[in-house]
Amino acid sequence: MKTVNWGVLGAAKFAREHMARAIHEAEGARLFALATSDVEKAAPFRSFCPDLRIHDSYDALLADPEVEAVYIPLPNHLHVEWTLKALRAGKHALTEKPIAMKAEEIDGLIAARDETGLFATEAYMIVHHPQWQHARALIAEGAIGRVLHADAHFSYDNRADPANIRNRPETGGGSIPDIGVYAYGSVRWATGAEPVDLRAYIKRENDVDVFAQVRGEMKGPNGRFTYQAMTSMRLFPRQEVIFQGESGLIRLTAPFNAGLFGEAQVHLFRNDSADQVRRFPGARQYRSQVEAFCRTIRGGAAYPWTLEDARGTQAMIDMVWSASE
């Protein structure tokens, strides 16, 4: 497979600490260019990729004929704008979550993707992690019987960093845009279910949601089940997802930031056996995400998270906002 030249729009912390290195190390990918107006911000990237080409603007990078795909880790409110610009410039685009602030905005991205024949999607890395692939397979094969209830929890505390884009309304901050995409979208992806009734309690600070409790029902291929999710940017770090079925339970202990939060483990409890544990200590979900993206644009391989999938999760987020009013 011919190597894909990647460009990164902006020297964001997440790109610096995770995605740029994942692109650099991924099979079939080459970290080729970075757009930043501050040359000093390029230094950490060049520490592991000394030949990195630096552009002084996003537009200049998009005009680079040698760049084939771009990774977009900009603040949330800029995702749609620059994904559209990337597609119109002839670049494939992998954009950080949430790729949009409203579900209807993704319709424009789908149209642009289809019109250009290029590939664009949301950077939803968990679907590339083997723990989630394993959990999804267990549910599909009926390992716990019909799903009756799902719980998803994701919290961290960033109150000490008020300037963080996640704490600012003008940049699309909040716990729901930042981590609700995981607490909601992961259950959708694992079960094939969609929400049919939601109720929400949301606590805000400075016009940004810092706590959200969601309860309701979802409907999947095997019927309805109850659902509960909690996200917060003001609580001690916690990550956990549980699926309870007619004859067992599946528990993911580090479902979202595996490695950073702890070892990825999937526990299977059944009426007829002791706890069965699958561990995934060396999985690298960011690198796997890049490699899957490259296989898709080079050979047309099926990709596990499309814009349509992202739209479904954003529609669920929109339901949460409405349910809290």
Foldseek 3Di string as FASTA:
>chain_A
DAAAEEEEEDLDPCCLPAQLVLQCPFPRHHDAEYEDLDVVSCVSSCVVVVNHHYHPHPVVVLQPPRHAAYEYEAQACCLLVVLLVSLVSNHEYEYEFPSHLALVSLVVVVVSCVVSVHHYFYPQLLVLFVLLVVLLVCVVVQVQHDWAEKEWEWEAADPVCCVPSLNDVVRPHAQCRVCVLPRQLSVCLSFVKAFDDKAKAFDDDNPYTFKMWMWGWIAHPVGIHIYIYIYGHRDHGATKMKTHHPFWIWIWGHRGPDPVVYWTKIWIGGPVDHIDIDTDRDDRRSSSSSNLSSCCRVPNDDDSGGSVSSSRSSNVVVVRVVNND
